Amino acid sequence: MLEKVKLALRITTTAFDEEISDLIAAAIADLRIAGIVSLEETDPLIIRAVTTYCRANFGSPDEYDRLKAAYDEQKAQLQIATGYTDWGDI
């Protein structure tokens, strides 16, 4: 996942790996809080949501509001998609 996020951020150095890894962990934790239990790191929807979260929160992006809204929409779609939560088991 780290390499995919770095590619999306256009980062080629390892200097920011720790910060980016922390952002990846924060994105996954945020998705868990939202009730998403299927967090396979090979799932393209999970990769996209984590990448968008990282793009919104790495440095000071000019498009923070747009990226934050995009992440929130991706998270909301995962919350209602079959197989991503266990709310149907309740």
PDB file of N, CA and C in Angstrom:
ATOM      1  N   MET A   1       0.833  -1.188   0.000  1.00  0.00           N
ATOM      2  CA  MET A   1       0.000   0.000   0.000  1.00  0.00           C
ATOM      3  C   MET A   1       0.880   1.255   0.000  1.00  0.00           C
ATOM      4  N   LEU A   2       1.986   1.213   0.736  1.00  0.00           N
ATOM      5  CA  LEU A   2       2.870   2.375   0.818  1.00  0.00           C
ATOM      6  C   LEU A   2       3.320   2.824  -0.575  1.00  0.00           C
ATOM      7  N   GLU A   3       3.737   1.891  -1.387  1.00  0.00           N
ATOM      8  CA  GLU A   3       4.227   2.253  -2.727  1.00  0.00           C
ATOM      9  C   GLU A   3       3.112   2.854  -3.595  1.00  0.00           C
ATOM     10  N   LYS A   4       1.906   2.334  -3.483  1.00  0.00           N
ATOM     11  CA  LYS A   4       0.782   2.868  -4.258  1.00  0.00           C
ATOM     12  C   LYS A   4       0.451   4.300  -3.826  1.00  0.00           C
ATOM     13  N   VAL A   5       0.483   4.545  -2.517  1.00  0.00           N
ATOM     14  CA  VAL A   5       0.195   5.893  -2.015  1.00  0.00           C
ATOM     15  C   VAL A   5       1.311   6.850  -2.415  1.00  0.00           C
ATOM     16  N   LYS A   6       2.549   6.414  -2.294  1.00  0.00           N
ATOM     17  CA  LYS A   6       3.661   7.270  -2.708  1.00  0.00           C
ATOM     18  C   LYS A   6       3.557   7.639  -4.182  1.00  0.00           C
ATOM     19  N   LEU A   7       3.179   6.693  -5.009  1.00  0.00           N
ATOM     20  CA  LEU A   7       2.996   6.967  -6.434  1.00  0.00           C
ATOM     21  C   LEU A   7       1.910   8.015  -6.641  1.00  0.00           C
ATOM     22  N   ALA A   8       0.798   7.892  -5.928  1.00  0.00           N
ATOM     23  CA  ALA A   8      -0.293   8.861  -6.045  1.00  0.00           C
ATOM     24  C   ALA A   8       0.126  10.251  -5.568  1.00  0.00           C
ATOM     25  N   LEU A   9       1.014  10.281  -4.581  1.00  0.00           N
ATOM     26  CA  LEU A   9       1.513  11.559  -4.060  1.00  0.00           C
ATOM     27  C   LEU A   9       2.679  12.101  -4.882  1.00  0.00           C
ATOM     28  N   ARG A  10       3.136  11.306  -5.850  1.00  0.00           N
ATOM     29  CA  ARG A  10       4.288  11.661  -6.691  1.00  0.00           C
ATOM     30  C   ARG A  10       5.555  11.798  -5.856  1.00  0.00           C
ATOM     31  N   ILE A  11       5.716  10.887  -4.884  1.00  0.00           N
ATOM     32  CA  ILE A  11       6.880  10.859  -3.996  1.00  0.00           C
ATOM     33  C   ILE A  11       7.785   9.708  -4.424  1.00  0.00           C
ATOM     34  N   THR A  12       9.050   9.981  -4.640  1.00  0.00           N
ATOM     35  CA  THR A  12       9.994   8.927  -5.015  1.00  0.00           C
ATOM     36  C   THR A  12      11.036   8.671  -3.931  1.00  0.00           C
ATOM     37  N   THR A  13      11.169   9.554  -2.996  1.00  0.00           N
ATOM     38  CA  THR A  13      12.138   9.398  -1.920  1.00  0.00           C
ATOM     39  C   THR A  13      11.552   8.584  -0.771  1.00  0.00           C
ATOM     40  N   THR A  14      12.404   8.072   0.081  1.00  0.00           N
ATOM     41  CA  THR A  14      11.938   7.362   1.275  1.00  0.00           C
ATOM     42  C   THR A  14      11.850   8.299   2.481  1.00  0.00           C
ATOM     43  N   ALA A  15      12.192   9.556   2.294  1.00  0.00           N
ATOM     44  CA  ALA A  15      12.240  10.510   3.402  1.00  0.00           C
ATOM     45  C   ALA A  15      10.895  10.679   4.114  1.00  0.00           C
ATOM     46  N   PHE A  16       9.801  10.452   3.407  1.00  0.00           N
ATOM     47  CA  PHE A  16       8.471  10.667   3.983  1.00  0.00           C
ATOM     48  C   PHE A  16       7.750   9.352   4.303  1.00  0.00           C
ATOM     49  N   ASP A  17       8.446   8.227   4.200  1.00  0.00           N
ATOM     50  CA  ASP A  17       7.796   6.927   4.383  1.00  0.00           C
ATOM     51  C   ASP A  17       7.098   6.786   5.731  1.00  0.00           C
ATOM     52  N   GLU A  18       7.715   7.259   6.791  1.00  0.00           N
ATOM     53  CA  GLU A  18       7.107   7.134   8.121  1.00  0.00           C
ATOM     54  C   GLU A  18       5.826   7.960   8.203  1.00  0.00           C
ATOM     55  N   GLU A  19       5.865   9.183   7.699  1.00  0.00           N
ATOM     56  CA  GLU A  19       4.675  10.039   7.722  1.00  0.00           C
ATOM     57  C   GLU A  19       3.556   9.432   6.867  1.00  0.00           C
ATOM     58  N   ILE A  20       3.906   8.934   5.704  1.00  0.00           N
ATOM     59  CA  ILE A  20       2.904   8.341   4.814  1.00  0.00           C
ATOM     60  C   ILE A  20       2.347   7.058   5.427  1.00  0.00           C
ATOM     61  N   SER A  21       3.190   6.265   6.046  1.00  0.00           N
ATOM     62  CA  SER A  21       2.719   5.047   6.717  1.00  0.00           C
ATOM     63  C   SER A  21       1.747   5.388   7.843  1.00  0.00           C
ATOM     64  N   ASP A  22       2.032   6.456   8.584  1.00  0.00           N
ATOM     65  CA  ASP A  22       1.122   6.905   9.635  1.00  0.00           C
ATOM     66  C   ASP A  22      -0.220   7.345   9.048  1.00  0.00           C
ATOM     67  N   LEU A  23      -0.188   8.022   7.905  1.00  0.00           N
ATOM     68  CA  LEU A  23      -1.434   8.441   7.254  1.00  0.00           C
ATOM     69  C   LEU A  23      -2.230   7.231   6.770  1.00  0.00           C
ATOM     70  N   ILE A  24      -1.556   6.229   6.242  1.00  0.00           N
ATOM     71  CA  ILE A  24      -2.226   5.005   5.816  1.00  0.00           C
ATOM     72  C   ILE A  24      -2.912   4.349   7.014  1.00  0.00           C
ATOM     73  N   ALA A  25      -2.202   4.260   8.128  1.00  0.00           N
ATOM     74  CA  ALA A  25      -2.774   3.670   9.338  1.00  0.00           C
ATOM     75  C   ALA A  25      -3.966   4.485   9.830  1.00  0.00           C
ATOM     76  N   ALA A  26      -3.867   5.805   9.754  1.00  0.00           N
ATOM     77  CA  ALA A  26      -4.983   6.668  10.177  1.00  0.00           C
ATOM     78  C   ALA A  26      -6.194   6.476   9.269  1.00  0.00           C
ATOM     79  N   ALA A  27      -5.962   6.349   7.973  1.00  0.00           N
ATOM     80  CA  ALA A  27      -7.065   6.129   7.030  1.00  0.00           C
ATOM     81  C   ALA A  27      -7.763   4.806   7.335  1.00  0.00           C
ATOM     82  N   ILE A  28      -6.998   3.763   7.563  1.00  0.00           N
ATOM     83  CA  ILE A  28      -7.578   2.454   7.865  1.00  0.00           C
ATOM     84  C   ILE A  28      -8.346   2.513   9.181  1.00  0.00           C
ATOM     85  N   ALA A  29      -7.792   3.201  10.181  1.00  0.00           N
ATOM     86  CA  ALA A  29      -8.489   3.350  11.457  1.00  0.00           C
ATOM     87  C   ALA A  29      -9.795   4.124  11.275  1.00  0.00           C
ATOM     88  N   ASP A  30      -9.780   5.161  10.448  1.00  0.00           N
ATOM     89  CA  ASP A  30     -10.988   5.948  10.197  1.00  0.00           C
ATOM     90  C   ASP A  30     -12.053   5.092   9.514  1.00  0.00           C
ATOM     91  N   LEU A  31     -11.640   4.261   8.573  1.00  0.00           N
ATOM     92  CA  LEU A  31     -12.596   3.374   7.906  1.00  0.00           C
ATOM     93  C   LEU A  31     -13.163   2.354   8.897  1.00  0.00           C
ATOM     94  N   ARG A  32     -12.337   1.858   9.804  1.00  0.00           N
ATOM     95  CA  ARG A  32     -12.829   0.931  10.836  1.00  0.00           C
ATOM     96  C   ARG A  32     -13.861   1.607  11.727  1.00  0.00           C
ATOM     97  N   ILE A  33     -13.579   2.839  12.140  1.00  0.00           N
ATOM     98  CA  ILE A  33     -14.517   3.593  12.967  1.00  0.00           C
ATOM     99  C   ILE A  33     -15.854   3.749  12.250  1.00  0.00           C
ATOM    100  N   ALA A  34     -15.800   3.881  10.935  1.00  0.00           N
ATOM    101  CA  ALA A  34     -17.011   4.043  10.129  1.00  0.00           C
ATOM    102  C   ALA A  34     -17.756   2.719   9.941  1.00  0.00           C
ATOM    103  N   GLY A  35     -17.216   1.621  10.480  1.00  0.00           N
ATOM    104  CA  GLY A  35     -17.890   0.339  10.414  1.00  0.00           C
ATOM    105  C   GLY A  35     -17.441  -0.563   9.283  1.00  0.00           C
ATOM    106  N   ILE A  36     -16.412  -0.165   8.567  1.00  0.00           N
ATOM    107  CA  ILE A  36     -15.927  -0.971   7.453  1.00  0.00           C
ATOM    108  C   ILE A  36     -14.983  -2.030   8.022  1.00  0.00           C
ATOM    109  N   VAL A  37     -15.331  -3.292   7.785  1.00  0.00           N
ATOM    110  CA  VAL A  37     -14.541  -4.395   8.351  1.00  0.00           C
ATOM    111  C   VAL A  37     -13.725  -5.115   7.290  1.00  0.00           C
ATOM    112  N   SER A  38     -14.104  -4.994   6.050  1.00  0.00           N
ATOM    113  CA  SER A  38     -13.350  -5.619   4.965  1.00  0.00           C
ATOM    114  C   SER A  38     -12.327  -4.607   4.457  1.00  0.00           C
ATOM    115  N   LEU A  39     -11.096  -4.753   4.926  1.00  0.00           N
ATOM    116  CA  LEU A  39     -10.043  -3.781   4.618  1.00  0.00           C
ATOM    117  C   LEU A  39      -8.854  -4.451   3.927  1.00  0.00           C
ATOM    118  N   GLU A  40      -9.147  -5.267   2.935  1.00  0.00           N
ATOM    119  CA  GLU A  40      -8.092  -5.935   2.187  1.00  0.00           C
ATOM    120  C   GLU A  40      -7.232  -4.909   1.456  1.00  0.00           C
ATOM    121  N   GLU A  41      -5.934  -4.968   1.666  1.00  0.00           N
ATOM    122  CA  GLU A  41      -5.034  -3.987   1.058  1.00  0.00           C
ATOM    123  C   GLU A  41      -4.879  -4.165  -0.445  1.00  0.00           C
ATOM    124  N   THR A  42      -5.476  -5.209  -1.000  1.00  0.00           N
ATOM    125  CA  THR A  42      -5.453  -5.401  -2.449  1.00  0.00           C
ATOM    126  C   THR A  42      -6.769  -4.975  -3.098  1.00  0.00           C
ATOM    127  N   ASP A  43      -7.757  -4.624  -2.292  1.00  0.00           N
ATOM    128  CA  ASP A  43      -9.070  -4.203  -2.806  1.00  0.00           C
ATOM    129  C   ASP A  43      -8.937  -2.808  -3.416  1.00  0.00           C
ATOM    130  N   PRO A  44      -9.283  -2.646  -4.689  1.00  0.00           N
ATOM    131  CA  PRO A  44      -9.109  -1.344  -5.335  1.00  0.00           C
ATOM    132  C   PRO A  44      -9.917  -0.215  -4.687  1.00  0.00           C
ATOM    133  N   LEU A  45     -11.086  -0.522  -4.117  1.00  0.00           N
ATOM    134  CA  LEU A  45     -11.870   0.532  -3.457  1.00  0.00           C
ATOM    135  C   LEU A  45     -11.219   0.978  -2.155  1.00  0.00           C
ATOM    136  N   ILE A  46     -10.638   0.042  -1.431  1.00  0.00           N
ATOM    137  CA  ILE A  46      -9.924   0.388  -0.194  1.00  0.00           C
ATOM    138  C   ILE A  46      -8.661   1.171  -0.537  1.00  0.00           C
ATOM    139  N   ILE A  47      -7.936   0.723  -1.541  1.00  0.00           N
ATOM    140  CA  ILE A  47      -6.729   1.440  -1.971  1.00  0.00           C
ATOM    141  C   ILE A  47      -7.081   2.877  -2.354  1.00  0.00           C
ATOM    142  N   ARG A  48      -8.153   3.045  -3.120  1.00  0.00           N
ATOM    143  CA  ARG A  48      -8.546   4.389  -3.565  1.00  0.00           C
ATOM    144  C   ARG A  48      -8.929   5.268  -2.387  1.00  0.00           C
ATOM    145  N   ALA A  49      -9.693   4.741  -1.433  1.00  0.00           N
ATOM    146  CA  ALA A  49     -10.092   5.534  -0.270  1.00  0.00           C
ATOM    147  C   ALA A  49      -8.873   5.937   0.564  1.00  0.00           C
ATOM    148  N   VAL A  50      -7.976   4.990   0.811  1.00  0.00           N
ATOM    149  CA  VAL A  50      -6.771   5.285   1.597  1.00  0.00           C
ATOM    150  C   VAL A  50      -5.900   6.302   0.859  1.00  0.00           C
ATOM    151  N   THR A  51      -5.762   6.140  -0.428  1.00  0.00           N
ATOM    152  CA  THR A  51      -4.962   7.072  -1.222  1.00  0.00           C
ATOM    153  C   THR A  51      -5.557   8.478  -1.172  1.00  0.00           C
ATOM    154  N   THR A  52      -6.855   8.580  -1.304  1.00  0.00           N
ATOM    155  CA  THR A  52      -7.507   9.890  -1.257  1.00  0.00           C
ATOM    156  C   THR A  52      -7.329  10.533   0.110  1.00  0.00           C
ATOM    157  N   TYR A  53      -7.476   9.744   1.172  1.00  0.00           N
ATOM    158  CA  TYR A  53      -7.256  10.248   2.528  1.00  0.00           C
ATOM    159  C   TYR A  53      -5.833  10.802   2.661  1.00  0.00           C
ATOM    160  N   CYS A  54      -4.871  10.044   2.169  1.00  0.00           N
ATOM    161  CA  CYS A  54      -3.472  10.464   2.262  1.00  0.00           C
ATOM    162  C   CYS A  54      -3.204  11.722   1.441  1.00  0.00           C
ATOM    163  N   ARG A  55      -3.778  11.789   0.256  1.00  0.00           N
ATOM    164  CA  ARG A  55      -3.602  12.989  -0.569  1.00  0.00           C
ATOM    165  C   ARG A  55      -4.178  14.220   0.124  1.00  0.00           C
ATOM    166  N   ALA A  56      -5.297  14.043   0.825  1.00  0.00           N
ATOM    167  CA  ALA A  56      -5.932  15.168   1.521  1.00  0.00           C
ATOM    168  C   ALA A  56      -5.137  15.619   2.739  1.00  0.00           C
ATOM    169  N   ASN A  57      -4.424  14.691   3.364  1.00  0.00           N
ATOM    170  CA  ASN A  57      -3.782  14.996   4.644  1.00  0.00           C
ATOM    171  C   ASN A  57      -2.266  15.067   4.608  1.00  0.00           C
ATOM    172  N   PHE A  58      -1.653  14.861   3.448  1.00  0.00           N
ATOM    173  CA  PHE A  58      -0.197  14.946   3.346  1.00  0.00           C
ATOM    174  C   PHE A  58       0.188  16.376   2.992  1.00  0.00           C
ATOM    175  N   GLY A  59       1.000  16.974   3.840  1.00  0.00           N
ATOM    176  CA  GLY A  59       1.428  18.356   3.590  1.00  0.00           C
ATOM    177  C   GLY A  59       0.254  19.313   3.707  1.00  0.00           C
ATOM    178  N   SER A  60       0.225  20.302   2.843  1.00  0.00           N
ATOM    179  CA  SER A  60      -0.854  21.293   2.806  1.00  0.00           C
ATOM    180  C   SER A  60      -1.405  21.378   1.383  1.00  0.00           C
ATOM    181  N   PRO A  61      -2.234  20.412   0.990  1.00  0.00           N
ATOM    182  CA  PRO A  61      -2.707  20.387  -0.400  1.00  0.00           C
ATOM    183  C   PRO A  61      -3.612  21.572  -0.722  1.00  0.00           C
ATOM    184  N   ASP A  62      -3.475  22.075  -1.928  1.00  0.00           N
ATOM    185  CA  ASP A  62      -4.310  23.189  -2.378  1.00  0.00           C
ATOM    186  C   ASP A  62      -5.772  22.776  -2.501  1.00  0.00           C
ATOM    187  N   GLU A  63      -6.011  21.502  -2.729  1.00  0.00           N
ATOM    188  CA  GLU A  63      -7.365  21.010  -2.970  1.00  0.00           C
ATOM    189  C   GLU A  63      -7.908  20.228  -1.775  1.00  0.00           C
ATOM    190  N   TYR A  64      -7.573  20.636  -0.550  1.00  0.00           N
ATOM    191  CA  TYR A  64      -7.979  19.880   0.632  1.00  0.00           C
ATOM    192  C   TYR A  64      -9.488  19.642   0.667  1.00  0.00           C
ATOM    193  N   ASP A  65     -10.279  20.687   0.479  1.00  0.00           N
ATOM    194  CA  ASP A  65     -11.728  20.548   0.586  1.00  0.00           C
ATOM    195  C   ASP A  65     -12.281  19.548  -0.427  1.00  0.00           C
ATOM    196  N   ARG A  66     -11.801  19.596  -1.646  1.00  0.00           N
ATOM    197  CA  ARG A  66     -12.256  18.671  -2.678  1.00  0.00           C
ATOM    198  C   ARG A  66     -11.837  17.237  -2.344  1.00  0.00           C
ATOM    199  N   LEU A  67     -10.590  17.071  -1.897  1.00  0.00           N
ATOM    200  CA  LEU A  67     -10.096  15.744  -1.548  1.00  0.00           C
ATOM    201  C   LEU A  67     -10.820  15.180  -0.322  1.00  0.00           C
ATOM    202  N   LYS A  68     -11.070  16.012   0.671  1.00  0.00           N
ATOM    203  CA  LYS A  68     -11.794  15.581   1.872  1.00  0.00           C
ATOM    204  C   LYS A  68     -13.200  15.141   1.497  1.00  0.00           C
ATOM    205  N   ALA A  69     -13.878  15.900   0.648  1.00  0.00           N
ATOM    206  CA  ALA A  69     -15.220  15.537   0.199  1.00  0.00           C
ATOM    207  C   ALA A  69     -15.190  14.227  -0.590  1.00  0.00           C
ATOM    208  N   ALA A  70     -14.179  14.041  -1.416  1.00  0.00           N
ATOM    209  CA  ALA A  70     -14.054  12.810  -2.194  1.00  0.00           C
ATOM    210  C   ALA A  70     -13.847  11.617  -1.264  1.00  0.00           C
ATOM    211  N   TYR A  71     -13.001  11.772  -0.259  1.00  0.00           N
ATOM    212  CA  TYR A  71     -12.777  10.685   0.692  1.00  0.00           C
ATOM    213  C   TYR A  71     -14.058  10.368   1.459  1.00  0.00           C
ATOM    214  N   ASP A  72     -14.747  11.398   1.920  1.00  0.00           N
ATOM    215  CA  ASP A  72     -15.991  11.179   2.661  1.00  0.00           C
ATOM    216  C   ASP A  72     -17.018  10.435   1.807  1.00  0.00           C
ATOM    217  N   GLU A  73     -17.091  10.749   0.521  1.00  0.00           N
ATOM    218  CA  GLU A  73     -18.000  10.064  -0.392  1.00  0.00           C
ATOM    219  C   GLU A  73     -17.581   8.605  -0.586  1.00  0.00           C
ATOM    220  N   GLN A  74     -16.288   8.373  -0.751  1.00  0.00           N
ATOM    221  CA  GLN A  74     -15.800   6.997  -0.901  1.00  0.00           C
ATOM    222  C   GLN A  74     -16.111   6.185   0.351  1.00  0.00           C
ATOM    223  N   LYS A  75     -15.904   6.784   1.518  1.00  0.00           N
ATOM    224  CA  LYS A  75     -16.182   6.095   2.780  1.00  0.00           C
ATOM    225  C   LYS A  75     -17.679   5.789   2.892  1.00  0.00           C
ATOM    226  N   ALA A  76     -18.516   6.737   2.534  1.00  0.00           N
ATOM    227  CA  ALA A  76     -19.962   6.526   2.592  1.00  0.00           C
ATOM    228  C   ALA A  76     -20.394   5.411   1.651  1.00  0.00           C
ATOM    229  N   GLN A  77     -19.798   5.346   0.478  1.00  0.00           N
ATOM    230  CA  GLN A  77     -20.137   4.280  -0.464  1.00  0.00           C
ATOM    231  C   GLN A  77     -19.723   2.916   0.077  1.00  0.00           C
ATOM    232  N   LEU A  78     -18.564   2.846   0.726  1.00  0.00           N
ATOM    233  CA  LEU A  78     -18.132   1.588   1.332  1.00  0.00           C
ATOM    234  C   LEU A  78     -19.073   1.177   2.464  1.00  0.00           C
ATOM    235  N   GLN A  79     -19.591   2.150   3.209  1.00  0.00           N
ATOM    236  CA  GLN A  79     -20.485   1.852   4.321  1.00  0.00           C
ATOM    237  C   GLN A  79     -21.782   1.192   3.858  1.00  0.00           C
ATOM    238  N   ILE A  80     -22.219   1.485   2.653  1.00  0.00           N
ATOM    239  CA  ILE A  80     -23.485   0.929   2.181  1.00  0.00           C
ATOM    240  C   ILE A  80     -23.303  -0.214   1.186  1.00  0.00           C
ATOM    241  N   ALA A  81     -22.059  -0.483   0.808  1.00  0.00           N
ATOM    242  CA  ALA A  81     -21.792  -1.545  -0.159  1.00  0.00           C
ATOM    243  C   ALA A  81     -21.825  -2.914   0.520  1.00  0.00           C
ATOM    244  N   THR A  82     -22.374  -3.879  -0.175  1.00  0.00           N
ATOM    245  CA  THR A  82     -22.433  -5.250   0.328  1.00  0.00           C
ATOM    246  C   THR A  82     -21.021  -5.803   0.519  1.00  0.00           C
ATOM    247  N   GLY A  83     -20.799  -6.413   1.673  1.00  0.00           N
ATOM    248  CA  GLY A  83     -19.540  -7.089   1.927  1.00  0.00           C
ATOM    249  C   GLY A  83     -18.471  -6.257   2.613  1.00  0.00           C
ATOM    250  N   TYR A  84     -18.725  -4.984   2.834  1.00  0.00           N
ATOM    251  CA  TYR A  84     -17.701  -4.143   3.462  1.00  0.00           C
ATOM    252  C   TYR A  84     -17.969  -3.908   4.944  1.00  0.00           C
ATOM    253  N   THR A  85     -19.192  -4.145   5.390  1.00  0.00           N
ATOM    254  CA  THR A  85     -19.532  -3.991   6.814  1.00  0.00           C
ATOM    255  C   THR A  85     -20.146  -5.288   7.299  1.00  0.00           C
ATOM    256  N   ASP A  86     -20.321  -5.383   8.610  1.00  0.00           N
ATOM    257  CA  ASP A  86     -21.009  -6.549   9.153  1.00  0.00           C
ATOM    258  C   ASP A  86     -22.364  -6.155   9.722  1.00  0.00           C
ATOM    259  N   TRP A  87     -22.893  -5.026   9.284  1.00  0.00           N
ATOM    260  CA  TRP A  87     -24.175  -4.554   9.803  1.00  0.00           C
ATOM    261  C   TRP A  87     -25.319  -5.471   9.408  1.00  0.00           C
ATOM    262  N   GLY A  88     -25.170  -6.203   8.330  1.00  0.00           N
ATOM    263  CA  GLY A  88     -26.208  -7.140   7.921  1.00  0.00           C
ATOM    264  C   GLY A  88     -26.294  -8.337   8.858  1.00  0.00           C
ATOM    265  N   ASP A  89     -25.248  -8.538   9.649  1.00  0.00           N
ATOM    266  CA  ASP A  89     -25.212  -9.679  10.582  1.00  0.00           C
ATOM    267  C   ASP A  89     -25.887  -9.363  11.911  1.00  0.00           C
ATOM    268  N   ILE A  90     -26.313  -8.143  12.088  1.00  0.00           N
ATOM    269  CA  ILE A  90     -26.895  -7.731  13.378  1.00  0.00           C
ATOM    270  C   ILE A  90     -28.329  -8.182  13.464  1.00  0.00           C
TER     271      ILE A  90
END
